[in-house]
């Protein structure tokens, strides 16, 4: 489990930690320092890399990369723009997505439906 939701890490340090997560890490909590405007492209690249490396669902290797099953965002971290950018690159392994307190609006829900 890696919970950065209420942390005060710079986005550089947070991404360093994300890249060092062990393969058995199944729960991830993210806050504004990792999803904010300057950090958002880095988070998208991180998730895209995980998704690209995992390939199709049946080919996922749980022994080499983090296998996220649960992802939560600190309240008010995500807006429609962030949702539209992030949802298409969420990992295939994800089973729980906690959006409580976030205002992703209609466009964000549409992006989520299209990403599935």
PDB file of N, CA and C in Angstrom:
ATOM      1  N   UNK A   1       0.837  -1.182   0.000  1.00  0.00           N
ATOM      2  CA  UNK A   1       0.000   0.000   0.000  1.00  0.00           C
ATOM      3  C   UNK A   1       0.881   1.244   0.000  1.00  0.00           C
ATOM      4  N   UNK A   2       0.536   2.193  -0.828  1.00  0.00           N
ATOM      5  CA  UNK A   2       1.245   3.468  -0.885  1.00  0.00           C
ATOM      6  C   UNK A   2       0.193   4.554  -0.840  1.00  0.00           C
ATOM      7  N   UNK A   3       0.195   5.336   0.230  1.00  0.00           N
ATOM      8  CA  UNK A   3      -0.808   6.379   0.403  1.00  0.00           C
ATOM      9  C   UNK A   3      -0.131   7.729   0.447  1.00  0.00           C
ATOM     10  N   UNK A   4      -0.310   8.480  -0.606  1.00  0.00           N
ATOM     11  CA  UNK A   4       0.275   9.802  -0.710  1.00  0.00           C
ATOM     12  C   UNK A   4      -0.826  10.854  -0.699  1.00  0.00           C
ATOM     13  N   UNK A   5      -2.049  10.447  -0.349  1.00  0.00           N
ATOM     14  CA  UNK A   5      -3.185  11.355  -0.403  1.00  0.00           C
ATOM     15  C   UNK A   5      -2.986  12.599   0.452  1.00  0.00           C
ATOM     16  N   UNK A   6      -2.613  12.430   1.676  1.00  0.00           N
ATOM     17  CA  UNK A   6      -2.482  13.577   2.562  1.00  0.00           C
ATOM     18  C   UNK A   6      -1.023  13.943   2.828  1.00  0.00           C
ATOM     19  N   UNK A   7      -0.139  13.345   2.040  1.00  0.00           N
ATOM     20  CA  UNK A   7       1.285  13.589   2.199  1.00  0.00           C
ATOM     21  C   UNK A   7       1.693  14.957   1.703  1.00  0.00           C
ATOM     22  N   UNK A   8       2.849  15.372   2.099  1.00  0.00           N
ATOM     23  CA  UNK A   8       3.364  16.681   1.713  1.00  0.00           C
ATOM     24  C   UNK A   8       4.619  16.551   0.859  1.00  0.00           C
ATOM     25  N   UNK A   9       4.756  15.458   0.146  1.00  0.00           N
ATOM     26  CA  UNK A   9       5.921  15.252  -0.700  1.00  0.00           C
ATOM     27  C   UNK A   9       5.831  16.098  -1.954  1.00  0.00           C
ATOM     28  N   UNK A  10       6.976  16.530  -2.442  1.00  0.00           N
ATOM     29  CA  UNK A  10       6.993  17.181  -3.748  1.00  0.00           C
ATOM     30  C   UNK A  10       6.644  16.125  -4.774  1.00  0.00           C
ATOM     31  N   UNK A  11       6.174  16.556  -5.950  1.00  0.00           N
ATOM     32  CA  UNK A  11       5.794  15.534  -6.921  1.00  0.00           C
ATOM     33  C   UNK A  11       7.007  14.769  -7.421  1.00  0.00           C
ATOM     34  N   UNK A  12       8.187  15.369  -7.419  1.00  0.00           N
ATOM     35  CA  UNK A  12       9.399  14.648  -7.812  1.00  0.00           C
ATOM     36  C   UNK A  12       9.694  13.484  -6.880  1.00  0.00           C
ATOM     37  N   UNK A  13       9.623  13.724  -5.578  1.00  0.00           N
ATOM     38  CA  UNK A  13       9.874  12.664  -4.592  1.00  0.00           C
ATOM     39  C   UNK A  13       8.769  11.609  -4.621  1.00  0.00           C
ATOM     40  N   UNK A  14       7.534  12.050  -4.816  1.00  0.00           N
ATOM     41  CA  UNK A  14       6.422  11.101  -4.872  1.00  0.00           C
ATOM     42  C   UNK A  14       6.585  10.152  -6.054  1.00  0.00           C
ATOM     43  N   UNK A  15       7.017  10.667  -7.206  1.00  0.00           N
ATOM     44  CA  UNK A  15       7.201   9.800  -8.372  1.00  0.00           C
ATOM     45  C   UNK A  15       8.413   8.894  -8.226  1.00  0.00           C
ATOM     46  N   UNK A  16       9.419   9.370  -7.525  1.00  0.00           N
ATOM     47  CA  UNK A  16      10.560   8.501  -7.231  1.00  0.00           C
ATOM     48  C   UNK A  16      10.073   7.301  -6.418  1.00  0.00           C
ATOM     49  N   UNK A  17       9.249   7.558  -5.402  1.00  0.00           N
ATOM     50  CA  UNK A  17       8.697   6.473  -4.587  1.00  0.00           C
ATOM     51  C   UNK A  17       7.779   5.567  -5.406  1.00  0.00           C
ATOM     52  N   UNK A  18       6.951   6.144  -6.272  1.00  0.00           N
ATOM     53  CA  UNK A  18       6.076   5.319  -7.123  1.00  0.00           C
ATOM     54  C   UNK A  18       6.894   4.346  -7.963  1.00  0.00           C
ATOM     55  N   UNK A  19       7.990   4.822  -8.515  1.00  0.00           N
ATOM     56  CA  UNK A  19       8.820   3.975  -9.367  1.00  0.00           C
ATOM     57  C   UNK A  19       9.566   2.896  -8.588  1.00  0.00           C
ATOM     58  N   UNK A  20       9.621   3.037  -7.272  1.00  0.00           N
ATOM     59  CA  UNK A  20      10.300   2.043  -6.439  1.00  0.00           C
ATOM     60  C   UNK A  20       9.342   1.087  -5.731  1.00  0.00           C
ATOM     61  N   UNK A  21       8.054   1.205  -6.017  1.00  0.00           N
ATOM     62  CA  UNK A  21       7.073   0.348  -5.343  1.00  0.00           C
ATOM     63  C   UNK A  21       7.317  -1.122  -5.655  1.00  0.00           C
ATOM     64  N   UNK A  22       7.159  -1.966  -4.646  1.00  0.00           N
ATOM     65  CA  UNK A  22       7.325  -3.414  -4.874  1.00  0.00           C
ATOM     66  C   UNK A  22       6.138  -3.986  -5.652  1.00  0.00           C
ATOM     67  N   UNK A  23       6.329  -5.129  -6.289  1.00  0.00           N
ATOM     68  CA  UNK A  23       5.261  -5.734  -7.101  1.00  0.00           C
ATOM     69  C   UNK A  23       3.992  -6.084  -6.328  1.00  0.00           C
ATOM     70  N   UNK A  24       4.106  -6.323  -5.038  1.00  0.00           N
ATOM     71  CA  UNK A  24       2.929  -6.727  -4.269  1.00  0.00           C
ATOM     72  C   UNK A  24       2.077  -5.540  -3.794  1.00  0.00           C
ATOM     73  N   UNK A  25       2.407  -4.335  -4.209  1.00  0.00           N
ATOM     74  CA  UNK A  25       1.633  -3.153  -3.827  1.00  0.00           C
ATOM     75  C   UNK A  25       0.316  -3.146  -4.597  1.00  0.00           C
ATOM     76  N   UNK A  26      -0.794  -3.307  -3.878  1.00  0.00           N
ATOM     77  CA  UNK A  26      -2.100  -3.397  -4.518  1.00  0.00           C
ATOM     78  C   UNK A  26      -2.972  -2.170  -4.304  1.00  0.00           C
ATOM     79  N   UNK A  27      -2.620  -1.324  -3.329  1.00  0.00           N
ATOM     80  CA  UNK A  27      -3.440  -0.165  -2.995  1.00  0.00           C
ATOM     81  C   UNK A  27      -2.623   1.106  -3.146  1.00  0.00           C
ATOM     82  N   UNK A  28      -3.214   2.087  -3.826  1.00  0.00           N
ATOM     83  CA  UNK A  28      -2.526   3.344  -4.080  1.00  0.00           C
ATOM     84  C   UNK A  28      -3.461   4.496  -3.773  1.00  0.00           C
ATOM     85  N   UNK A  29      -2.996   5.451  -2.973  1.00  0.00           N
ATOM     86  CA  UNK A  29      -3.757   6.661  -2.663  1.00  0.00           C
ATOM     87  C   UNK A  29      -2.956   7.869  -3.109  1.00  0.00           C
ATOM     88  N   UNK A  30      -3.598   8.749  -3.876  1.00  0.00           N
ATOM     89  CA  UNK A  30      -2.888   9.891  -4.440  1.00  0.00           C
ATOM     90  C   UNK A  30      -3.552  11.213  -4.060  1.00  0.00           C
ATOM     91  N   UNK A  31      -2.710  12.212  -3.832  1.00  0.00           N
ATOM     92  CA  UNK A  31      -3.186  13.545  -3.493  1.00  0.00           C
ATOM     93  C   UNK A  31      -2.772  14.571  -4.527  1.00  0.00           C
ATOM     94  N   UNK A  32      -3.006  15.841  -4.223  1.00  0.00           N
ATOM     95  CA  UNK A  32      -2.790  16.903  -5.200  1.00  0.00           C
ATOM     96  C   UNK A  32      -1.351  17.067  -5.683  1.00  0.00           C
ATOM     97  N   UNK A  33      -0.367  16.711  -4.873  1.00  0.00           N
ATOM     98  CA  UNK A  33       1.018  16.900  -5.323  1.00  0.00           C
ATOM     99  C   UNK A  33       1.391  15.937  -6.439  1.00  0.00           C
ATOM    100  N   UNK A  34       0.622  14.858  -6.614  1.00  0.00           N
ATOM    101  CA  UNK A  34       0.898  13.888  -7.671  1.00  0.00           C
ATOM    102  C   UNK A  34      -0.076  14.046  -8.842  1.00  0.00           C
ATOM    103  N   UNK A  35      -1.193  14.708  -8.599  1.00  0.00           N
ATOM    104  CA  UNK A  35      -2.198  14.852  -9.649  1.00  0.00           C
ATOM    105  C   UNK A  35      -2.304  16.296 -10.122  1.00  0.00           C
ATOM    106  N   UNK A  36      -1.684  17.230  -9.416  1.00  0.00           N
ATOM    107  CA  UNK A  36      -1.752  18.643  -9.770  1.00  0.00           C
ATOM    108  C   UNK A  36      -1.258  18.925 -11.178  1.00  0.00           C
ATOM    109  N   UNK A  37      -1.489  20.134 -11.632  1.00  0.00           N
ATOM    110  CA  UNK A  37      -1.241  20.486 -13.036  1.00  0.00           C
ATOM    111  C   UNK A  37       0.168  20.187 -13.522  1.00  0.00           C
ATOM    112  N   UNK A  38       1.190  20.498 -12.765  1.00  0.00           N
ATOM    113  CA  UNK A  38       2.554  20.233 -13.235  1.00  0.00           C
ATOM    114  C   UNK A  38       2.939  18.764 -13.109  1.00  0.00           C
ATOM    115  N   UNK A  39       2.277  18.036 -12.230  1.00  0.00           N
ATOM    116  CA  UNK A  39       2.586  16.619 -12.023  1.00  0.00           C
ATOM    117  C   UNK A  39       1.736  15.696 -12.881  1.00  0.00           C
ATOM    118  N   UNK A  40       0.614  16.173 -13.370  1.00  0.00           N
ATOM    119  CA  UNK A  40      -0.326  15.324 -14.108  1.00  0.00           C
ATOM    120  C   UNK A  40       0.316  14.608 -15.302  1.00  0.00           C
ATOM    121  N   UNK A  41       1.102  15.283 -16.139  1.00  0.00           N
ATOM    122  CA  UNK A  41       1.727  14.567 -17.266  1.00  0.00           C
ATOM    123  C   UNK A  41       2.649  13.434 -16.824  1.00  0.00           C
ATOM    124  N   UNK A  42       3.306  13.601 -15.687  1.00  0.00           N
ATOM    125  CA  UNK A  42       4.204  12.562 -15.172  1.00  0.00           C
ATOM    126  C   UNK A  42       3.389  11.361 -14.697  1.00  0.00           C
ATOM    127  N   UNK A  43       2.257  11.628 -14.030  1.00  0.00           N
ATOM    128  CA  UNK A  43       1.389  10.541 -13.564  1.00  0.00           C
ATOM    129  C   UNK A  43       0.801   9.782 -14.758  1.00  0.00           C
ATOM    130  N   UNK A  44       0.403  10.500 -15.778  1.00  0.00           N
ATOM    131  CA  UNK A  44      -0.119   9.860 -16.985  1.00  0.00           C
ATOM    132  C   UNK A  44       0.950   8.962 -17.604  1.00  0.00           C
ATOM    133  N   UNK A  45       2.185   9.449 -17.690  1.00  0.00           N
ATOM    134  CA  UNK A  45       3.286   8.641 -18.238  1.00  0.00           C
ATOM    135  C   UNK A  45       3.516   7.398 -17.387  1.00  0.00           C
ATOM    136  N   UNK A  46       3.451   7.546 -16.069  1.00  0.00           N
ATOM    137  CA  UNK A  46       3.652   6.416 -15.157  1.00  0.00           C
ATOM    138  C   UNK A  46       2.603   5.333 -15.408  1.00  0.00           C
ATOM    139  N   UNK A  47       1.329   5.732 -15.412  1.00  0.00           N
ATOM    140  CA  UNK A  47       0.261   4.750 -15.636  1.00  0.00           C
ATOM    141  C   UNK A  47       0.322   4.171 -17.052  1.00  0.00           C
ATOM    142  N   UNK A  48       0.657   5.004 -18.029  1.00  0.00           N
ATOM    143  CA  UNK A  48       0.754   4.509 -19.403  1.00  0.00           C
ATOM    144  C   UNK A  48       1.862   3.469 -19.521  1.00  0.00           C
ATOM    145  N   UNK A  49       2.979   3.723 -18.853  1.00  0.00           N
ATOM    146  CA  UNK A  49       4.078   2.763 -18.870  1.00  0.00           C
ATOM    147  C   UNK A  49       3.665   1.440 -18.234  1.00  0.00           C
ATOM    148  N   UNK A  50       2.976   1.512 -17.090  1.00  0.00           N
ATOM    149  CA  UNK A  50       2.487   0.283 -16.448  1.00  0.00           C
ATOM    150  C   UNK A  50       1.536  -0.464 -17.378  1.00  0.00           C
ATOM    151  N   UNK A  51       0.659   0.268 -18.011  1.00  0.00           N
ATOM    152  CA  UNK A  51      -0.321  -0.348 -18.901  1.00  0.00           C
ATOM    153  C   UNK A  51       0.364  -0.963 -20.120  1.00  0.00           C
ATOM    154  N   UNK A  52       1.317  -0.234 -20.698  1.00  0.00           N
ATOM    155  CA  UNK A  52       2.048  -0.742 -21.863  1.00  0.00           C
ATOM    156  C   UNK A  52       2.860  -1.984 -21.518  1.00  0.00           C
ATOM    157  N   UNK A  53       3.520  -1.960 -20.367  1.00  0.00           N
ATOM    158  CA  UNK A  53       4.358  -3.079 -19.958  1.00  0.00           C
ATOM    159  C   UNK A  53       3.532  -4.308 -19.588  1.00  0.00           C
ATOM    160  N   UNK A  54       2.325  -4.075 -19.122  1.00  0.00           N
ATOM    161  CA  UNK A  54       1.498  -5.215 -18.729  1.00  0.00           C
ATOM    162  C   UNK A  54       0.837  -5.867 -19.938  1.00  0.00           C
ATOM    163  N   UNK A  55       0.702  -5.121 -21.020  1.00  0.00           N
ATOM    164  CA  UNK A  55       0.074  -5.667 -22.210  1.00  0.00           C
ATOM    165  C   UNK A  55      -1.367  -6.019 -21.955  1.00  0.00           C
ATOM    166  N   UNK A  56      -1.803  -7.091 -22.513  1.00  0.00           N
ATOM    167  CA  UNK A  56      -3.193  -7.522 -22.334  1.00  0.00           C
ATOM    168  C   UNK A  56      -3.387  -8.078 -20.937  1.00  0.00           C
ATOM    169  N   UNK A  57      -4.604  -8.076 -20.482  1.00  0.00           N
ATOM    170  CA  UNK A  57      -4.938  -8.534 -19.129  1.00  0.00           C
ATOM    171  C   UNK A  57      -4.361  -9.908 -18.813  1.00  0.00           C
ATOM    172  N   UNK A  58      -4.443 -10.815 -19.720  1.00  0.00           N
ATOM    173  CA  UNK A  58      -3.993 -12.188 -19.483  1.00  0.00           C
ATOM    174  C   UNK A  58      -2.479 -12.305 -19.388  1.00  0.00           C
ATOM    175  N   UNK A  59      -1.757 -11.284 -19.863  1.00  0.00           N
ATOM    176  CA  UNK A  59      -0.297 -11.355 -19.878  1.00  0.00           C
ATOM    177  C   UNK A  59       0.352 -10.613 -18.718  1.00  0.00           C
ATOM    178  N   UNK A  60      -0.432 -10.119 -17.765  1.00  0.00           N
ATOM    179  CA  UNK A  60       0.125  -9.330 -16.666  1.00  0.00           C
ATOM    180  C   UNK A  60       1.068 -10.173 -15.813  1.00  0.00           C
ATOM    181  N   UNK A  61       2.187  -9.585 -15.445  1.00  0.00           N
ATOM    182  CA  UNK A  61       3.165 -10.278 -14.619  1.00  0.00           C
ATOM    183  C   UNK A  61       3.165  -9.637 -13.241  1.00  0.00           C
ATOM    184  N   UNK A  62       2.500 -10.274 -12.301  1.00  0.00           N
ATOM    185  CA  UNK A  62       2.378  -9.709 -10.957  1.00  0.00           C
ATOM    186  C   UNK A  62       3.691  -9.740 -10.192  1.00  0.00           C
ATOM    187  N   UNK A  63       4.720 -10.370 -10.706  1.00  0.00           N
ATOM    188  CA  UNK A  63       5.974 -10.475  -9.974  1.00  0.00           C
ATOM    189  C   UNK A  63       6.981  -9.389 -10.315  1.00  0.00           C
ATOM    190  N   UNK A  64       6.698  -8.555 -11.310  1.00  0.00           N
ATOM    191  CA  UNK A  64       7.697  -7.567 -11.699  1.00  0.00           C
ATOM    192  C   UNK A  64       7.229  -6.130 -11.578  1.00  0.00           C
ATOM    193  N   UNK A  65       5.948  -5.845 -11.684  1.00  0.00           N
ATOM    194  CA  UNK A  65       5.438  -4.478 -11.629  1.00  0.00           C
ATOM    195  C   UNK A  65       4.347  -4.384 -10.581  1.00  0.00           C
ATOM    196  N   UNK A  66       4.137  -3.181 -10.018  1.00  0.00           N
ATOM    197  CA  UNK A  66       3.028  -3.038  -9.079  1.00  0.00           C
ATOM    198  C   UNK A  66       1.719  -3.478  -9.732  1.00  0.00           C
ATOM    199  N   UNK A  67       0.923  -4.178  -8.969  1.00  0.00           N
ATOM    200  CA  UNK A  67      -0.325  -4.750  -9.456  1.00  0.00           C
ATOM    201  C   UNK A  67      -1.462  -4.067  -8.704  1.00  0.00           C
ATOM    202  N   UNK A  68      -1.760  -2.833  -9.089  1.00  0.00           N
ATOM    203  CA  UNK A  68      -2.745  -2.044  -8.360  1.00  0.00           C
ATOM    204  C   UNK A  68      -4.147  -2.599  -8.562  1.00  0.00           C
ATOM    205  N   UNK A  69      -4.820  -2.859  -7.445  1.00  0.00           N
ATOM    206  CA  UNK A  69      -6.220  -3.282  -7.489  1.00  0.00           C
ATOM    207  C   UNK A  69      -7.129  -2.166  -6.989  1.00  0.00           C
ATOM    208  N   UNK A  70      -6.579  -1.269  -6.177  1.00  0.00           N
ATOM    209  CA  UNK A  70      -7.386  -0.205  -5.588  1.00  0.00           C
ATOM    210  C   UNK A  70      -6.657   1.129  -5.728  1.00  0.00           C
ATOM    211  N   UNK A  71      -7.385   2.131  -6.205  1.00  0.00           N
ATOM    212  CA  UNK A  71      -6.821   3.471  -6.394  1.00  0.00           C
ATOM    213  C   UNK A  71      -7.796   4.482  -5.832  1.00  0.00           C
ATOM    214  N   UNK A  72      -7.282   5.373  -4.985  1.00  0.00           N
ATOM    215  CA  UNK A  72      -8.138   6.425  -4.440  1.00  0.00           C
ATOM    216  C   UNK A  72      -7.435   7.768  -4.589  1.00  0.00           C
ATOM    217  N   UNK A  73      -8.250   8.784  -4.709  1.00  0.00           N
ATOM    218  CA  UNK A  73      -7.746  10.154  -4.838  1.00  0.00           C
ATOM    219  C   UNK A  73      -8.271  10.971  -3.672  1.00  0.00           C
ATOM    220  N   UNK A  74      -7.410  11.798  -3.106  1.00  0.00           N
ATOM    221  CA  UNK A  74      -7.810  12.696  -2.033  1.00  0.00           C
ATOM    222  C   UNK A  74      -8.977  13.552  -2.526  1.00  0.00           C
ATOM    223  N   UNK A  75      -9.883  13.903  -1.625  1.00  0.00           N
ATOM    224  CA  UNK A  75     -11.043  14.709  -2.004  1.00  0.00           C
ATOM    225  C   UNK A  75     -10.609  16.004  -2.681  1.00  0.00           C
ATOM    226  N   UNK A  76     -11.328  16.389  -3.679  1.00  0.00           N
ATOM    227  CA  UNK A  76     -11.125  17.591  -4.502  1.00  0.00           C
ATOM    228  C   UNK A  76      -9.823  17.578  -5.311  1.00  0.00           C
ATOM    229  N   UNK A  77      -9.184  16.422  -5.438  1.00  0.00           N
ATOM    230  CA  UNK A  77      -7.952  16.311  -6.217  1.00  0.00           C
ATOM    231  C   UNK A  77      -8.245  16.266  -7.709  1.00  0.00           C
ATOM    232  N   UNK A  78      -9.300  15.541  -8.076  1.00  0.00           N
ATOM    233  CA  UNK A  78      -9.631  15.376  -9.492  1.00  0.00           C
ATOM    234  C   UNK A  78     -10.753  16.299  -9.928  1.00  0.00           C
ATOM    235  N   UNK A  79     -10.559  16.906 -11.079  1.00  0.00           N
ATOM    236  CA  UNK A  79     -11.618  17.644 -11.755  1.00  0.00           C
ATOM    237  C   UNK A  79     -11.871  16.953 -13.083  1.00  0.00           C
ATOM    238  N   UNK A  80     -12.699  17.546 -13.890  1.00  0.00           N
ATOM    239  CA  UNK A  80     -13.042  16.953 -15.179  1.00  0.00           C
ATOM    240  C   UNK A  80     -11.806  16.798 -16.070  1.00  0.00           C
ATOM    241  N   UNK A  81     -10.935  17.800 -16.100  1.00  0.00           N
ATOM    242  CA  UNK A  81      -9.740  17.740 -16.943  1.00  0.00           C
ATOM    243  C   UNK A  81      -8.819  16.605 -16.530  1.00  0.00           C
ATOM    244  N   UNK A  82      -8.577  16.469 -15.229  1.00  0.00           N
ATOM    245  CA  UNK A  82      -7.706  15.395 -14.740  1.00  0.00           C
ATOM    246  C   UNK A  82      -8.314  14.030 -15.030  1.00  0.00           C
ATOM    247  N   UNK A  83      -9.617  13.902 -14.807  1.00  0.00           N
ATOM    248  CA  UNK A  83     -10.295  12.630 -15.064  1.00  0.00           C
ATOM    249  C   UNK A  83     -10.192  12.263 -16.545  1.00  0.00           C
ATOM    250  N   UNK A  84     -10.434  13.221 -17.409  1.00  0.00           N
ATOM    251  CA  UNK A  84     -10.381  12.983 -18.849  1.00  0.00           C
ATOM    252  C   UNK A  84      -8.983  12.535 -19.282  1.00  0.00           C
ATOM    253  N   UNK A  85      -7.957  13.046 -18.614  1.00  0.00           N
ATOM    254  CA  UNK A  85      -6.571  12.722 -18.949  1.00  0.00           C
ATOM    255  C   UNK A  85      -6.127  11.390 -18.340  1.00  0.00           C
ATOM    256  N   UNK A  86      -6.537  11.119 -17.098  1.00  0.00           N
ATOM    257  CA  UNK A  86      -6.066   9.935 -16.373  1.00  0.00           C
ATOM    258  C   UNK A  86      -6.823   8.643 -16.672  1.00  0.00           C
ATOM    259  N   UNK A  87      -8.115   8.715 -16.786  1.00  0.00           N
ATOM    260  CA  UNK A  87      -8.913   7.490 -16.877  1.00  0.00           C
ATOM    261  C   UNK A  87      -8.513   6.570 -18.027  1.00  0.00           C
ATOM    262  N   UNK A  88      -8.168   7.078 -19.203  1.00  0.00           N
ATOM    263  CA  UNK A  88      -7.780   6.164 -20.287  1.00  0.00           C
ATOM    264  C   UNK A  88      -6.506   5.360 -20.026  1.00  0.00           C
ATOM    265  N   UNK A  89      -5.671   5.792 -19.093  1.00  0.00           N
ATOM    266  CA  UNK A  89      -4.401   5.097 -18.851  1.00  0.00           C
ATOM    267  C   UNK A  89      -4.383   4.318 -17.534  1.00  0.00           C
ATOM    268  N   UNK A  90      -5.524   4.175 -16.884  1.00  0.00           N
ATOM    269  CA  UNK A  90      -5.551   3.412 -15.629  1.00  0.00           C
ATOM    270  C   UNK A  90      -5.177   1.957 -15.892  1.00  0.00           C
ATOM    271  N   UNK A  91      -4.471   1.334 -14.940  1.00  0.00           N
ATOM    272  CA  UNK A  91      -4.014  -0.051 -15.121  1.00  0.00           C
ATOM    273  C   UNK A  91      -5.168  -1.044 -15.288  1.00  0.00           C
ATOM    274  N   UNK A  92      -4.936  -2.077 -16.080  1.00  0.00           N
ATOM    275  CA  UNK A  92      -5.925  -3.136 -16.290  1.00  0.00           C
ATOM    276  C   UNK A  92      -6.278  -3.849 -14.991  1.00  0.00           C
ATOM    277  N   UNK A  93      -5.340  -3.907 -14.066  1.00  0.00           N
ATOM    278  CA  UNK A  93      -5.542  -4.650 -12.824  1.00  0.00           C
ATOM    279  C   UNK A  93      -6.513  -3.974 -11.859  1.00  0.00           C
ATOM    280  N   UNK A  94      -6.855  -2.710 -12.095  1.00  0.00           N
ATOM    281  CA  UNK A  94      -7.666  -1.925 -11.174  1.00  0.00           C
ATOM    282  C   UNK A  94      -9.071  -2.498 -11.015  1.00  0.00           C
ATOM    283  N   UNK A  95      -9.477  -2.696  -9.752  1.00  0.00           N
ATOM    284  CA  UNK A  95     -10.811  -3.214  -9.446  1.00  0.00           C
ATOM    285  C   UNK A  95     -11.632  -2.220  -8.637  1.00  0.00           C
ATOM    286  N   UNK A  96     -10.961  -1.326  -7.890  1.00  0.00           N
ATOM    287  CA  UNK A  96     -11.636  -0.342  -7.048  1.00  0.00           C
ATOM    288  C   UNK A  96     -11.080   1.041  -7.380  1.00  0.00           C
ATOM    289  N   UNK A  97     -11.982   1.967  -7.664  1.00  0.00           N
ATOM    290  CA  UNK A  97     -11.596   3.347  -7.934  1.00  0.00           C
ATOM    291  C   UNK A  97     -12.428   4.246  -7.035  1.00  0.00           C
ATOM    292  N   UNK A  98     -11.787   4.879  -6.057  1.00  0.00           N
ATOM    293  CA  UNK A  98     -12.487   5.735  -5.099  1.00  0.00           C
ATOM    294  C   UNK A  98     -12.382   7.182  -5.561  1.00  0.00           C
ATOM    295  N   UNK A  99     -13.519   7.754  -5.922  1.00  0.00           N
ATOM    296  CA  UNK A  99     -13.576   9.135  -6.403  1.00  0.00           C
ATOM    297  C   UNK A  99     -14.327  10.045  -5.437  1.00  0.00           C
ATOM    298  N   UNK A 100     -14.551   9.580  -4.215  1.00  0.00           N
ATOM    299  CA  UNK A 100     -15.329  10.330  -3.223  1.00  0.00           C
ATOM    300  C   UNK A 100     -14.788  11.755  -3.058  1.00  0.00           C
ATOM    301  N   UNK A 101     -15.682  12.720  -3.167  1.00  0.00           N
ATOM    302  CA  UNK A 101     -15.324  14.107  -2.942  1.00  0.00           C
ATOM    303  C   UNK A 101     -14.648  14.791  -4.116  1.00  0.00           C
ATOM    304  N   UNK A 102     -14.568  14.112  -5.241  1.00  0.00           N
ATOM    305  CA  UNK A 102     -13.960  14.710  -6.428  1.00  0.00           C
ATOM    306  C   UNK A 102     -15.058  15.145  -7.392  1.00  0.00           C
ATOM    307  N   UNK A 103     -14.784  16.221  -8.109  1.00  0.00           N
ATOM    308  CA  UNK A 103     -15.784  16.803  -9.015  1.00  0.00           C
ATOM    309  C   UNK A 103     -15.377  16.549 -10.455  1.00  0.00           C
ATOM    310  N   UNK A 104     -15.629  15.326 -10.903  1.00  0.00           N
ATOM    311  CA  UNK A 104     -15.183  14.971 -12.248  1.00  0.00           C
ATOM    312  C   UNK A 104     -16.210  15.319 -13.327  1.00  0.00           C
ATOM    313  N   UNK A 105     -17.401  15.679 -12.941  1.00  0.00           N
ATOM    314  CA  UNK A 105     -18.456  16.145 -13.844  1.00  0.00           C
ATOM    315  C   UNK A 105     -18.800  15.126 -14.918  1.00  0.00           C
ATOM    316  N   UNK A 106     -19.671  15.503 -15.783  1.00  0.00           N
ATOM    317  CA  UNK A 106     -20.190  14.625 -16.831  1.00  0.00           C
ATOM    318  C   UNK A 106     -19.078  14.140 -17.766  1.00  0.00           C
ATOM    319  N   UNK A 107     -18.195  15.036 -18.165  1.00  0.00           N
ATOM    320  CA  UNK A 107     -17.097  14.667 -19.064  1.00  0.00           C
ATOM    321  C   UNK A 107     -16.159  13.637 -18.443  1.00  0.00           C
ATOM    322  N   UNK A 108     -15.928  13.751 -17.141  1.00  0.00           N
ATOM    323  CA  UNK A 108     -15.085  12.789 -16.437  1.00  0.00           C
ATOM    324  C   UNK A 108     -15.714  11.409 -16.387  1.00  0.00           C
ATOM    325  N   UNK A 109     -17.027  11.364 -16.126  1.00  0.00           N
ATOM    326  CA  UNK A 109     -17.717  10.064 -16.123  1.00  0.00           C
ATOM    327  C   UNK A 109     -17.746   9.449 -17.509  1.00  0.00           C
ATOM    328  N   UNK A 110     -17.882  10.294 -18.525  1.00  0.00           N
ATOM    329  CA  UNK A 110     -17.851   9.795 -19.902  1.00  0.00           C
ATOM    330  C   UNK A 110     -16.488   9.190 -20.210  1.00  0.00           C
ATOM    331  N   UNK A 111     -15.407   9.861 -19.789  1.00  0.00           N
ATOM    332  CA  UNK A 111     -14.051   9.343 -19.993  1.00  0.00           C
ATOM    333  C   UNK A 111     -13.864   8.021 -19.266  1.00  0.00           C
ATOM    334  N   UNK A 112     -14.428   7.896 -18.074  1.00  0.00           N
ATOM    335  CA  UNK A 112     -14.332   6.662 -17.314  1.00  0.00           C
ATOM    336  C   UNK A 112     -15.070   5.530 -18.035  1.00  0.00           C
ATOM    337  N   UNK A 113     -16.252   5.816 -18.525  1.00  0.00           N
ATOM    338  CA  UNK A 113     -17.024   4.785 -19.244  1.00  0.00           C
ATOM    339  C   UNK A 113     -16.300   4.343 -20.511  1.00  0.00           C
ATOM    340  N   UNK A 114     -15.688   5.278 -21.228  1.00  0.00           N
ATOM    341  CA  UNK A 114     -14.973   4.940 -22.460  1.00  0.00           C
ATOM    342  C   UNK A 114     -13.673   4.193 -22.191  1.00  0.00           C
ATOM    343  N   UNK A 115     -13.083   4.420 -21.018  1.00  0.00           N
ATOM    344  CA  UNK A 115     -11.809   3.770 -20.680  1.00  0.00           C
ATOM    345  C   UNK A 115     -12.003   2.296 -20.338  1.00  0.00           C
ATOM    346  N   UNK A 116     -13.185   1.938 -19.848  1.00  0.00           N
ATOM    347  CA  UNK A 116     -13.454   0.586 -19.392  1.00  0.00           C
ATOM    348  C   UNK A 116     -13.490  -0.374 -20.510  1.00  0.00           C
TER     349      UNK A 116
END
